[in-house]
Amino acid sequence: MSAKMPVTEVSLFKDFCQRKGVTPAALIRELILREMEVPMPHTVAGRNRIVYERGQDRFTWAVELDNGQVVEVLGDVSPEFLEELGRMVNDGLDERAAFIGKGRENSVGVPSGMLR
C-alpha cells in the first residue's frame, strides 16, 4: 500500500512520528483501523511508563503493552500536572479504601461473591 504525498508533507509526517515515538507504518495502521472502526479489545495487558525528558523538563506518559507496542497517552506533561494527578489518584484510592472497609495497608479488595 502506498500514497503519493509532497516531500514536505512526508518530512512533517516522519518528524511527527519520531516525536510520538512510533514508526510511520504503525501510525498509518492505527489510523486506518480507527477510521474503519475495527474494534479493539476493552482490556489489554501492559504497564504505564512515565519518562522524564530532561532537556525540556517535561514528562511523557505512555503504556507499554505486553505485545511490545508502546502507546503514548499524553506528551509534554508538566511536573505540576503529574503531581496533581498523583494527589487525585491517591484521594480516589483513599475514598475507595474507606468505602470497602480496608483497614490494613496490605489488604486487597475481595469480591463479595466469594464470601457467600
PDB file of N, CA and C in Angstrom:
ATOM      1  N   MET A   1       0.854  -1.153   0.000  1.00  0.00           N
ATOM      2  CA  MET A   1       0.000   0.000   0.000  1.00  0.00           C
ATOM      3  C   MET A   1       0.905   1.223   0.000  1.00  0.00           C
ATOM      4  N   SER A   2       0.543   2.215  -0.773  1.00  0.00           N
ATOM      5  CA  SER A   2       1.340   3.429  -0.820  1.00  0.00           C
ATOM      6  C   SER A   2       0.446   4.622  -1.102  1.00  0.00           C
ATOM      7  N   ALA A   3       0.972   5.794  -0.826  1.00  0.00           N
ATOM      8  CA  ALA A   3       0.238   7.026  -1.098  1.00  0.00           C
ATOM      9  C   ALA A   3       1.238   8.064  -1.589  1.00  0.00           C
ATOM     10  N   LYS A   4       0.809   8.900  -2.516  1.00  0.00           N
ATOM     11  CA  LYS A   4       1.665   9.965  -3.017  1.00  0.00           C
ATOM     12  C   LYS A   4       1.432  11.201  -2.164  1.00  0.00           C
ATOM     13  N   MET A   5       2.544  11.740  -1.669  1.00  0.00           N
ATOM     14  CA  MET A   5       2.482  12.944  -0.854  1.00  0.00           C
ATOM     15  C   MET A   5       3.638  13.857  -1.252  1.00  0.00           C
ATOM     16  N   PRO A   6       3.446  15.159  -1.132  1.00  0.00           N
ATOM     17  CA  PRO A   6       4.562  16.073  -1.380  1.00  0.00           C
ATOM     18  C   PRO A   6       5.691  15.808  -0.377  1.00  0.00           C
ATOM     19  N   VAL A   7       6.908  16.050  -0.780  1.00  0.00           N
ATOM     20  CA  VAL A   7       8.079  15.789   0.058  1.00  0.00           C
ATOM     21  C   VAL A   7       7.973  16.515   1.398  1.00  0.00           C
ATOM     22  N   THR A   8       7.452  17.736   1.400  1.00  0.00           N
ATOM     23  CA  THR A   8       7.341  18.493   2.660  1.00  0.00           C
ATOM     24  C   THR A   8       6.391  17.794   3.636  1.00  0.00           C
ATOM     25  N   GLU A   9       5.280  17.245   3.129  1.00  0.00           N
ATOM     26  CA  GLU A   9       4.334  16.540   3.997  1.00  0.00           C
ATOM     27  C   GLU A   9       4.932  15.247   4.528  1.00  0.00           C
ATOM     28  N   VAL A  10       5.710  14.561   3.700  1.00  0.00           N
ATOM     29  CA  VAL A  10       6.379  13.332   4.143  1.00  0.00           C
ATOM     30  C   VAL A  10       7.345  13.662   5.269  1.00  0.00           C
ATOM     31  N   SER A  11       8.105  14.739   5.122  1.00  0.00           N
ATOM     32  CA  SER A  11       9.044  15.149   6.182  1.00  0.00           C
ATOM     33  C   SER A  11       8.315  15.501   7.466  1.00  0.00           C
ATOM     34  N   LEU A  12       7.219  16.244   7.342  1.00  0.00           N
ATOM     35  CA  LEU A  12       6.423  16.600   8.522  1.00  0.00           C
ATOM     36  C   LEU A  12       5.879  15.354   9.209  1.00  0.00           C
ATOM     37  N   PHE A  13       5.400  14.399   8.408  1.00  0.00           N
ATOM     38  CA  PHE A  13       4.844  13.159   8.963  1.00  0.00           C
ATOM     39  C   PHE A  13       5.918  12.355   9.686  1.00  0.00           C
ATOM     40  N   LYS A  14       7.096  12.228   9.077  1.00  0.00           N
ATOM     41  CA  LYS A  14       8.184  11.490   9.718  1.00  0.00           C
ATOM     42  C   LYS A  14       8.603  12.156  11.027  1.00  0.00           C
ATOM     43  N   ASP A  15       8.693  13.484  11.037  1.00  0.00           N
ATOM     44  CA  ASP A  15       9.034  14.207  12.269  1.00  0.00           C
ATOM     45  C   ASP A  15       7.967  13.987  13.342  1.00  0.00           C
ATOM     46  N   PHE A  16       6.707  14.031  12.930  1.00  0.00           N
ATOM     47  CA  PHE A  16       5.603  13.800  13.858  1.00  0.00           C
ATOM     48  C   PHE A  16       5.697  12.411  14.480  1.00  0.00           C
ATOM     49  N   CYS A  17       5.950  11.414  13.647  1.00  0.00           N
ATOM     50  CA  CYS A  17       6.066  10.041  14.147  1.00  0.00           C
ATOM     51  C   CYS A  17       7.230   9.899  15.113  1.00  0.00           C
ATOM     52  N   GLN A  18       8.345  10.537  14.794  1.00  0.00           N
ATOM     53  CA  GLN A  18       9.515  10.464  15.668  1.00  0.00           C
ATOM     54  C   GLN A  18       9.216  11.095  17.021  1.00  0.00           C
ATOM     55  N   ARG A  19       8.550  12.254  17.030  1.00  0.00           N
ATOM     56  CA  ARG A  19       8.183  12.903  18.297  1.00  0.00           C
ATOM     57  C   ARG A  19       7.221  12.040  19.110  1.00  0.00           C
ATOM     58  N   LYS A  20       6.346  11.346  18.406  1.00  0.00           N
ATOM     59  CA  LYS A  20       5.357  10.481  19.064  1.00  0.00           C
ATOM     60  C   LYS A  20       5.949   9.148  19.482  1.00  0.00           C
ATOM     61  N   GLY A  21       7.126   8.813  18.944  1.00  0.00           N
ATOM     62  CA  GLY A  21       7.791   7.570  19.307  1.00  0.00           C
ATOM     63  C   GLY A  21       7.210   6.343  18.634  1.00  0.00           C
ATOM     64  N   VAL A  22       6.662   6.530  17.436  1.00  0.00           N
ATOM     65  CA  VAL A  22       6.096   5.406  16.689  1.00  0.00           C
ATOM     66  C   VAL A  22       6.679   5.407  15.283  1.00  0.00           C
ATOM     67  N   THR A  23       6.585   4.263  14.645  1.00  0.00           N
ATOM     68  CA  THR A  23       7.018   4.197  13.255  1.00  0.00           C
ATOM     69  C   THR A  23       5.893   4.721  12.367  1.00  0.00           C
ATOM     70  N   PRO A  24       6.242   5.244  11.180  1.00  0.00           N
ATOM     71  CA  PRO A  24       5.184   5.675  10.266  1.00  0.00           C
ATOM     72  C   PRO A  24       4.198   4.546   9.944  1.00  0.00           C
ATOM     73  N   ALA A  25       4.718   3.329   9.740  1.00  0.00           N
ATOM     74  CA  ALA A  25       3.826   2.203   9.407  1.00  0.00           C
ATOM     75  C   ALA A  25       2.840   1.929  10.541  1.00  0.00           C
ATOM     76  N   ALA A  26       3.317   1.977  11.794  1.00  0.00           N
ATOM     77  CA  ALA A  26       2.429   1.713  12.932  1.00  0.00           C
ATOM     78  C   ALA A  26       1.345   2.780  13.042  1.00  0.00           C
ATOM     79  N   LEU A  27       1.721   4.031  12.835  1.00  0.00           N
ATOM     80  CA  LEU A  27       0.733   5.107  12.930  1.00  0.00           C
ATOM     81  C   LEU A  27      -0.284   5.020  11.797  1.00  0.00           C
ATOM     82  N   ILE A  28       0.188   4.751  10.593  1.00  0.00           N
ATOM     83  CA  ILE A  28      -0.732   4.611   9.461  1.00  0.00           C
ATOM     84  C   ILE A  28      -1.709   3.473   9.718  1.00  0.00           C
ATOM     85  N   ARG A  29      -1.204   2.355  10.220  1.00  0.00           N
ATOM     86  CA  ARG A  29      -2.074   1.204  10.519  1.00  0.00           C
ATOM     87  C   ARG A  29      -3.128   1.582  11.558  1.00  0.00           C
ATOM     88  N   GLU A  30      -2.680   2.260  12.636  1.00  0.00           N
ATOM     89  CA  GLU A  30      -3.612   2.671  13.695  1.00  0.00           C
ATOM     90  C   GLU A  30      -4.683   3.602  13.152  1.00  0.00           C
ATOM     91  N   LEU A  31      -4.286   4.548  12.324  1.00  0.00           N
ATOM     92  CA  LEU A  31      -5.250   5.491  11.757  1.00  0.00           C
ATOM     93  C   LEU A  31      -6.244   4.804  10.831  1.00  0.00           C
ATOM     94  N   ILE A  32      -5.767   3.873  10.023  1.00  0.00           N
ATOM     95  CA  ILE A  32      -6.662   3.141   9.121  1.00  0.00           C
ATOM     96  C   ILE A  32      -7.662   2.313   9.917  1.00  0.00           C
ATOM     97  N   LEU A  33      -7.179   1.588  10.923  1.00  0.00           N
ATOM     98  CA  LEU A  33      -8.087   0.761  11.727  1.00  0.00           C
ATOM     99  C   LEU A  33      -9.096   1.615  12.483  1.00  0.00           C
ATOM    100  N   ARG A  34      -8.639   2.750  12.998  1.00  0.00           N
ATOM    101  CA  ARG A  34      -9.567   3.651  13.695  1.00  0.00           C
ATOM    102  C   ARG A  34     -10.622   4.174  12.735  1.00  0.00           C
ATOM    103  N   GLU A  35     -10.201   4.544  11.533  1.00  0.00           N
ATOM    104  CA  GLU A  35     -11.131   5.055  10.531  1.00  0.00           C
ATOM    105  C   GLU A  35     -12.145   3.983  10.122  1.00  0.00           C
ATOM    106  N   MET A  36     -11.689   2.729  10.047  1.00  0.00           N
ATOM    107  CA  MET A  36     -12.575   1.618   9.685  1.00  0.00           C
ATOM    108  C   MET A  36     -13.397   1.142  10.886  1.00  0.00           C
ATOM    109  N   GLU A  37     -13.105   1.694  12.049  1.00  0.00           N
ATOM    110  CA  GLU A  37     -13.780   1.338  13.299  1.00  0.00           C
ATOM    111  C   GLU A  37     -13.647  -0.136  13.619  1.00  0.00           C
ATOM    112  N   VAL A  38     -12.439  -0.678  13.410  1.00  0.00           N
ATOM    113  CA  VAL A  38     -12.162  -2.056  13.789  1.00  0.00           C
ATOM    114  C   VAL A  38     -12.077  -2.087  15.308  1.00  0.00           C
ATOM    115  N   PRO A  39     -12.892  -2.908  15.969  1.00  0.00           N
ATOM    116  CA  PRO A  39     -12.911  -2.897  17.433  1.00  0.00           C
ATOM    117  C   PRO A  39     -11.591  -3.369  18.030  1.00  0.00           C
ATOM    118  N   MET A  40     -11.230  -2.727  19.135  1.00  0.00           N
ATOM    119  CA  MET A  40     -10.058  -3.119  19.896  1.00  0.00           C
ATOM    120  C   MET A  40     -10.574  -3.707  21.202  1.00  0.00           C
ATOM    121  N   PRO A  41      -9.924  -4.724  21.725  1.00  0.00           N
ATOM    122  CA  PRO A  41     -10.397  -5.288  22.994  1.00  0.00           C
ATOM    123  C   PRO A  41     -10.464  -4.214  24.078  1.00  0.00           C
ATOM    124  N   HIS A  42     -11.447  -4.335  24.963  1.00  0.00           N
ATOM    125  CA  HIS A  42     -11.597  -3.357  26.037  1.00  0.00           C
ATOM    126  C   HIS A  42     -10.464  -3.438  27.047  1.00  0.00           C
ATOM    127  N   THR A  43      -9.911  -4.606  27.220  1.00  0.00           N
ATOM    128  CA  THR A  43      -8.843  -4.794  28.191  1.00  0.00           C
ATOM    129  C   THR A  43      -7.675  -5.489  27.529  1.00  0.00           C
ATOM    130  N   VAL A  44      -6.523  -4.884  27.669  1.00  0.00           N
ATOM    131  CA  VAL A  44      -5.290  -5.482  27.185  1.00  0.00           C
ATOM    132  C   VAL A  44      -4.272  -5.379  28.319  1.00  0.00           C
ATOM    133  N   ALA A  45      -3.237  -6.198  28.267  1.00  0.00           N
ATOM    134  CA  ALA A  45      -2.236  -6.208  29.332  1.00  0.00           C
ATOM    135  C   ALA A  45      -1.088  -5.272  28.975  1.00  0.00           C
ATOM    136  N   GLY A  46      -0.595  -4.583  29.977  1.00  0.00           N
ATOM    137  CA  GLY A  46       0.534  -3.690  29.777  1.00  0.00           C
ATOM    138  C   GLY A  46       0.867  -2.950  31.064  1.00  0.00           C
ATOM    139  N   ARG A  47       1.818  -2.027  30.956  1.00  0.00           N
ATOM    140  CA  ARG A  47       2.259  -1.254  32.115  1.00  0.00           C
ATOM    141  C   ARG A  47       2.400   0.217  31.734  1.00  0.00           C
ATOM    142  N   ASN A  48       2.111   1.079  32.693  1.00  0.00           N
ATOM    143  CA  ASN A  48       2.325   2.509  32.498  1.00  0.00           C
ATOM    144  C   ASN A  48       3.812   2.804  32.461  1.00  0.00           C
ATOM    145  N   ARG A  49       4.184   3.769  31.627  1.00  0.00           N
ATOM    146  CA  ARG A  49       5.564   4.257  31.570  1.00  0.00           C
ATOM    147  C   ARG A  49       5.518   5.771  31.599  1.00  0.00           C
ATOM    148  N   ILE A  50       6.215   6.353  32.552  1.00  0.00           N
ATOM    149  CA  ILE A  50       6.336   7.803  32.583  1.00  0.00           C
ATOM    150  C   ILE A  50       7.815   8.107  32.435  1.00  0.00           C
ATOM    151  N   VAL A  51       8.140   8.842  31.361  1.00  0.00           N
ATOM    152  CA  VAL A  51       9.533   9.120  31.021  1.00  0.00           C
ATOM    153  C   VAL A  51       9.788  10.612  31.178  1.00  0.00           C
ATOM    154  N   TYR A  52      10.860  10.942  31.890  1.00  0.00           N
ATOM    155  CA  TYR A  52      11.242  12.331  32.088  1.00  0.00           C
ATOM    156  C   TYR A  52      12.139  12.791  30.956  1.00  0.00           C
ATOM    157  N   GLU A  53      11.764  13.874  30.303  1.00  0.00           N
ATOM    158  CA  GLU A  53      12.549  14.472  29.223  1.00  0.00           C
ATOM    159  C   GLU A  53      13.355  15.615  29.842  1.00  0.00           C
ATOM    160  N   ARG A  54      14.603  15.352  30.193  1.00  0.00           N
ATOM    161  CA  ARG A  54      15.426  16.323  30.931  1.00  0.00           C
ATOM    162  C   ARG A  54      15.607  17.642  30.201  1.00  0.00           C
ATOM    163  N   GLY A  55      15.834  17.575  28.914  1.00  0.00           N
ATOM    164  CA  GLY A  55      16.093  18.795  28.153  1.00  0.00           C
ATOM    165  C   GLY A  55      14.922  19.758  28.135  1.00  0.00           C
ATOM    166  N   GLN A  56      13.711  19.224  28.274  1.00  0.00           N
ATOM    167  CA  GLN A  56      12.501  20.053  28.212  1.00  0.00           C
ATOM    168  C   GLN A  56      11.827  20.193  29.563  1.00  0.00           C
ATOM    169  N   ASP A  57      12.340  19.505  30.580  1.00  0.00           N
ATOM    170  CA  ASP A  57      11.723  19.482  31.911  1.00  0.00           C
ATOM    171  C   ASP A  57      10.250  19.107  31.810  1.00  0.00           C
ATOM    172  N   ARG A  58       9.986  18.075  31.033  1.00  0.00           N
ATOM    173  CA  ARG A  58       8.634  17.576  30.801  1.00  0.00           C
ATOM    174  C   ARG A  58       8.628  16.064  30.894  1.00  0.00           C
ATOM    175  N   PHE A  59       7.427  15.496  30.939  1.00  0.00           N
ATOM    176  CA  PHE A  59       7.248  14.054  31.006  1.00  0.00           C
ATOM    177  C   PHE A  59       6.418  13.586  29.821  1.00  0.00           C
ATOM    178  N   THR A  60       6.572  12.313  29.492  1.00  0.00           N
ATOM    179  CA  THR A  60       5.701  11.638  28.533  1.00  0.00           C
ATOM    180  C   THR A  60       5.100  10.445  29.254  1.00  0.00           C
ATOM    181  N   TRP A  61       3.787  10.323  29.149  1.00  0.00           N
ATOM    182  CA  TRP A  61       3.074   9.201  29.764  1.00  0.00           C
ATOM    183  C   TRP A  61       2.655   8.275  28.631  1.00  0.00           C
ATOM    184  N   ALA A  62       3.082   7.022  28.719  1.00  0.00           N
ATOM    185  CA  ALA A  62       2.743   6.034  27.697  1.00  0.00           C
ATOM    186  C   ALA A  62       2.370   4.728  28.379  1.00  0.00           C
ATOM    187  N   VAL A  63       1.803   3.833  27.612  1.00  0.00           N
ATOM    188  CA  VAL A  63       1.505   2.479  28.078  1.00  0.00           C
ATOM    189  C   VAL A  63       2.271   1.527  27.183  1.00  0.00           C
ATOM    190  N   GLU A  64       3.062   0.662  27.793  1.00  0.00           N
ATOM    191  CA  GLU A  64       3.772  -0.369  27.037  1.00  0.00           C
ATOM    192  C   GLU A  64       2.981  -1.660  27.174  1.00  0.00           C
ATOM    193  N   LEU A  65       2.384  -2.088  26.071  1.00  0.00           N
ATOM    194  CA  LEU A  65       1.580  -3.303  26.087  1.00  0.00           C
ATOM    195  C   LEU A  65       2.481  -4.525  26.146  1.00  0.00           C
ATOM    196  N   ASP A  66       1.953  -5.623  26.632  1.00  0.00           N
ATOM    197  CA  ASP A  66       2.737  -6.852  26.741  1.00  0.00           C
ATOM    198  C   ASP A  66       3.201  -7.369  25.380  1.00  0.00           C
ATOM    199  N   ASN A  67       2.556  -6.934  24.310  1.00  0.00           N
ATOM    200  CA  ASN A  67       2.990  -7.354  22.976  1.00  0.00           C
ATOM    201  C   ASN A  67       4.133  -6.486  22.454  1.00  0.00           C
ATOM    202  N   GLY A  68       4.606  -5.527  23.281  1.00  0.00           N
ATOM    203  CA  GLY A  68       5.737  -4.685  22.913  1.00  0.00           C
ATOM    204  C   GLY A  68       5.348  -3.339  22.345  1.00  0.00           C
ATOM    205  N   GLN A  69       4.099  -3.161  21.968  1.00  0.00           N
ATOM    206  CA  GLN A  69       3.653  -1.884  21.410  1.00  0.00           C
ATOM    207  C   GLN A  69       3.622  -0.833  22.505  1.00  0.00           C
ATOM    208  N   VAL A  70       4.097   0.367  22.184  1.00  0.00           N
ATOM    209  CA  VAL A  70       4.060   1.485  23.116  1.00  0.00           C
ATOM    210  C   VAL A  70       3.060   2.499  22.578  1.00  0.00           C
ATOM    211  N   VAL A  71       2.081   2.861  23.416  1.00  0.00           N
ATOM    212  CA  VAL A  71       1.045   3.801  23.028  1.00  0.00           C
ATOM    213  C   VAL A  71       1.169   5.033  23.914  1.00  0.00           C
ATOM    214  N   GLU A  72       1.406   6.184  23.304  1.00  0.00           N
ATOM    215  CA  GLU A  72       1.504   7.417  24.078  1.00  0.00           C
ATOM    216  C   GLU A  72       0.124   7.836  24.543  1.00  0.00           C
ATOM    217  N   VAL A  73      -0.004   8.074  25.851  1.00  0.00           N
ATOM    218  CA  VAL A  73      -1.261   8.547  26.422  1.00  0.00           C
ATOM    219  C   VAL A  73      -1.284  10.067  26.387  1.00  0.00           C
ATOM    220  N   LEU A  74      -0.161  10.667  26.807  1.00  0.00           N
ATOM    221  CA  LEU A  74      -0.092  12.123  26.887  1.00  0.00           C
ATOM    222  C   LEU A  74       1.364  12.540  26.806  1.00  0.00           C
ATOM    223  N   GLY A  75       1.653  13.513  25.986  1.00  0.00           N
ATOM    224  CA  GLY A  75       3.014  14.008  25.844  1.00  0.00           C
ATOM    225  C   GLY A  75       3.129  15.420  26.362  1.00  0.00           C
ATOM    226  N   ASP A  76       4.356  15.875  26.573  1.00  0.00           N
ATOM    227  CA  ASP A  76       4.622  17.244  27.013  1.00  0.00           C
ATOM    228  C   ASP A  76       3.881  17.570  28.311  1.00  0.00           C
ATOM    229  N   VAL A  77       3.989  16.659  29.286  1.00  0.00           N
ATOM    230  CA  VAL A  77       3.278  16.791  30.549  1.00  0.00           C
ATOM    231  C   VAL A  77       4.179  17.515  31.560  1.00  0.00           C
ATOM    232  N   SER A  78       3.644  18.535  32.199  1.00  0.00           N
ATOM    233  CA  SER A  78       4.423  19.297  33.177  1.00  0.00           C
ATOM    234  C   SER A  78       4.524  18.531  34.494  1.00  0.00           C
ATOM    235  N   PRO A  79       5.573  18.802  35.272  1.00  0.00           N
ATOM    236  CA  PRO A  79       5.701  18.165  36.592  1.00  0.00           C
ATOM    237  C   PRO A  79       4.501  18.485  37.492  1.00  0.00           C
ATOM    238  N   GLU A  80       4.002  19.709  37.396  1.00  0.00           N
ATOM    239  CA  GLU A  80       2.861  20.111  38.233  1.00  0.00           C
ATOM    240  C   GLU A  80       1.608  19.294  37.907  1.00  0.00           C
ATOM    241  N   PHE A  81       1.411  19.005  36.629  1.00  0.00           N
ATOM    242  CA  PHE A  81       0.258  18.190  36.222  1.00  0.00           C
ATOM    243  C   PHE A  81       0.350  16.803  36.852  1.00  0.00           C
ATOM    244  N   LEU A  82       1.547  16.186  36.782  1.00  0.00           N
ATOM    245  CA  LEU A  82       1.715  14.845  37.354  1.00  0.00           C
ATOM    246  C   LEU A  82       1.549  14.854  38.864  1.00  0.00           C
ATOM    247  N   GLU A  83       2.049  15.905  39.521  1.00  0.00           N
ATOM    248  CA  GLU A  83       1.886  15.993  40.976  1.00  0.00           C
ATOM    249  C   GLU A  83       0.413  16.062  41.346  1.00  0.00           C
ATOM    250  N   GLU A  84      -0.353  16.896  40.623  1.00  0.00           N
ATOM    251  CA  GLU A  84      -1.786  16.991  40.897  1.00  0.00           C
ATOM    252  C   GLU A  84      -2.492  15.676  40.585  1.00  0.00           C
ATOM    253  N   LEU A  85      -2.131  15.046  39.469  1.00  0.00           N
ATOM    254  CA  LEU A  85      -2.727  13.766  39.098  1.00  0.00           C
ATOM    255  C   LEU A  85      -2.460  12.731  40.182  1.00  0.00           C
ATOM    256  N   GLY A  86      -1.236  12.693  40.704  1.00  0.00           N
ATOM    257  CA  GLY A  86      -0.893  11.757  41.780  1.00  0.00           C
ATOM    258  C   GLY A  86      -1.759  11.982  43.009  1.00  0.00           C
ATOM    259  N   ARG A  87      -1.950  13.262  43.370  1.00  0.00           N
ATOM    260  CA  ARG A  87      -2.813  13.570  44.526  1.00  0.00           C
ATOM    261  C   ARG A  87      -4.244  13.123  44.276  1.00  0.00           C
ATOM    262  N   MET A  88      -4.744  13.362  43.061  1.00  0.00           N
ATOM    263  CA  MET A  88      -6.127  12.989  42.737  1.00  0.00           C
ATOM    264  C   MET A  88      -6.299  11.469  42.763  1.00  0.00           C
ATOM    265  N   VAL A  89      -5.317  10.742  42.241  1.00  0.00           N
ATOM    266  CA  VAL A  89      -5.374   9.277  42.260  1.00  0.00           C
ATOM    267  C   VAL A  89      -5.366   8.786  43.701  1.00  0.00           C
ATOM    268  N   ASN A  90      -4.482   9.327  44.522  1.00  0.00           N
ATOM    269  CA  ASN A  90      -4.423   8.925  45.934  1.00  0.00           C
ATOM    270  C   ASN A  90      -5.725   9.227  46.660  1.00  0.00           C
ATOM    271  N   ASP A  91      -6.315  10.394  46.394  1.00  0.00           N
ATOM    272  CA  ASP A  91      -7.596  10.741  47.023  1.00  0.00           C
ATOM    273  C   ASP A  91      -8.677   9.733  46.625  1.00  0.00           C
ATOM    274  N   GLY A  92      -8.722   9.376  45.340  1.00  0.00           N
ATOM    275  CA  GLY A  92      -9.713   8.403  44.870  1.00  0.00           C
ATOM    276  C   GLY A  92      -9.502   7.030  45.494  1.00  0.00           C
ATOM    277  N   LEU A  93      -8.241   6.608  45.605  1.00  0.00           N
ATOM    278  CA  LEU A  93      -7.945   5.302  46.210  1.00  0.00           C
ATOM    279  C   LEU A  93      -8.269   5.302  47.707  1.00  0.00           C
ATOM    280  N   ASP A  94      -8.008   6.431  48.376  1.00  0.00           N
ATOM    281  CA  ASP A  94      -8.365   6.540  49.798  1.00  0.00           C
ATOM    282  C   ASP A  94      -9.875   6.448  49.989  1.00  0.00           C
ATOM    283  N   GLU A  95     -10.627   7.118  49.116  1.00  0.00           N
ATOM    284  CA  GLU A  95     -12.092   7.065  49.192  1.00  0.00           C
ATOM    285  C   GLU A  95     -12.593   5.637  48.987  1.00  0.00           C
ATOM    286  N   ARG A  96     -12.013   4.937  48.021  1.00  0.00           N
ATOM    287  CA  ARG A  96     -12.398   3.545  47.760  1.00  0.00           C
ATOM    288  C   ARG A  96     -12.064   2.662  48.950  1.00  0.00           C
ATOM    289  N   ALA A  97     -10.869   2.861  49.528  1.00  0.00           N
ATOM    290  CA  ALA A  97     -10.462   2.054  50.684  1.00  0.00           C
ATOM    291  C   ALA A  97     -11.440   2.228  51.837  1.00  0.00           C
ATOM    292  N   ALA A  98     -11.875   3.464  52.067  1.00  0.00           N
ATOM    293  CA  ALA A  98     -12.843   3.716  53.136  1.00  0.00           C
ATOM    294  C   ALA A  98     -14.175   3.042  52.814  1.00  0.00           C
ATOM    295  N   PHE A  99     -14.581   3.088  51.552  1.00  0.00           N
ATOM    296  CA  PHE A  99     -15.854   2.508  51.141  1.00  0.00           C
ATOM    297  C   PHE A  99     -15.868   0.998  51.318  1.00  0.00           C
ATOM    298  N   ILE A 100     -14.765   0.318  50.978  1.00  0.00           N
ATOM    299  CA  ILE A 100     -14.750  -1.155  51.088  1.00  0.00           C
ATOM    300  C   ILE A 100     -14.303  -1.621  52.476  1.00  0.00           C
ATOM    301  N   GLY A 101     -14.007  -0.674  53.370  1.00  0.00           N
ATOM    302  CA  GLY A 101     -13.642  -1.040  54.733  1.00  0.00           C
ATOM    303  C   GLY A 101     -12.217  -1.546  54.868  1.00  0.00           C
ATOM    304  N   LYS A 102     -11.344  -1.080  54.022  1.00  0.00           N
ATOM    305  CA  LYS A 102      -9.946  -1.511  54.083  1.00  0.00           C
ATOM    306  C   LYS A 102      -9.299  -0.899  55.321  1.00  0.00           C
ATOM    307  N   GLY A 103      -8.789  -1.769  56.196  1.00  0.00           N
ATOM    308  CA  GLY A 103      -8.195  -1.288  57.439  1.00  0.00           C
ATOM    309  C   GLY A 103      -6.697  -1.494  57.519  1.00  0.00           C
ATOM    310  N   ARG A 104      -6.162  -2.400  56.728  1.00  0.00           N
ATOM    311  CA  ARG A 104      -4.728  -2.674  56.756  1.00  0.00           C
ATOM    312  C   ARG A 104      -4.089  -2.284  55.433  1.00  0.00           C
ATOM    313  N   GLU A 105      -2.849  -1.829  55.492  1.00  0.00           N
ATOM    314  CA  GLU A 105      -2.134  -1.360  54.304  1.00  0.00           C
ATOM    315  C   GLU A 105      -2.011  -2.437  53.226  1.00  0.00           C
ATOM    316  N   ASN A 106      -1.785  -3.691  53.629  1.00  0.00           N
ATOM    317  CA  ASN A 106      -1.548  -4.747  52.642  1.00  0.00           C
ATOM    318  C   ASN A 106      -2.815  -5.513  52.271  1.00  0.00           C
ATOM    319  N   SER A 107      -3.988  -5.040  52.706  1.00  0.00           N
ATOM    320  CA  SER A 107      -5.252  -5.681  52.312  1.00  0.00           C
ATOM    321  C   SER A 107      -5.563  -5.371  50.857  1.00  0.00           C
ATOM    322  N   VAL A 108      -6.307  -6.283  50.233  1.00  0.00           N
ATOM    323  CA  VAL A 108      -6.760  -6.075  48.857  1.00  0.00           C
ATOM    324  C   VAL A 108      -8.261  -6.271  48.817  1.00  0.00           C
ATOM    325  N   GLY A 109      -8.920  -5.718  47.794  1.00  0.00           N
ATOM    326  CA  GLY A 109     -10.345  -5.897  47.633  1.00  0.00           C
ATOM    327  C   GLY A 109     -10.668  -7.349  47.326  1.00  0.00           C
ATOM    328  N   VAL A 110     -11.707  -7.877  47.987  1.00  0.00           N
ATOM    329  CA  VAL A 110     -12.130  -9.261  47.771  1.00  0.00           C
ATOM    330  C   VAL A 110     -13.547  -9.234  47.232  1.00  0.00           C
ATOM    331  N   PRO A 111     -13.812  -9.877  46.081  1.00  0.00           N
ATOM    332  CA  PRO A 111     -15.174  -9.896  45.539  1.00  0.00           C
ATOM    333  C   PRO A 111     -16.144 -10.493  46.556  1.00  0.00           C
ATOM    334  N   SER A 112     -17.229  -9.781  46.819  1.00  0.00           N
ATOM    335  CA  SER A 112     -18.178 -10.228  47.825  1.00  0.00           C
ATOM    336  C   SER A 112     -18.814 -11.564  47.480  1.00  0.00           C
ATOM    337  N   GLY A 113     -18.893 -11.888  46.199  1.00  0.00           N
ATOM    338  CA  GLY A 113     -19.460 -13.177  45.773  1.00  0.00           C
ATOM    339  C   GLY A 113     -18.675 -14.361  46.322  1.00  0.00           C
ATOM    340  N   MET A 114     -17.408 -14.177  46.619  1.00  0.00           N
ATOM    341  CA  MET A 114     -16.580 -15.266  47.151  1.00  0.00           C
ATOM    342  C   MET A 114     -16.925 -15.556  48.615  1.00  0.00           C
ATOM    343  N   LEU A 115     -17.571 -14.612  49.273  1.00  0.00           N
ATOM    344  CA  LEU A 115     -17.838 -14.745  50.712  1.00  0.00           C
ATOM    345  C   LEU A 115     -19.185 -15.386  51.008  1.00  0.00           C
ATOM    346  N   ARG A 116     -19.940 -15.708  50.012  1.00  0.00           N
ATOM    347  CA  ARG A 116     -21.286 -16.278  50.240  1.00  0.00           C
ATOM    348  C   ARG A 116     -21.227 -17.770  50.324  1.00  0.00           C
TER     349      ARG A 116
END
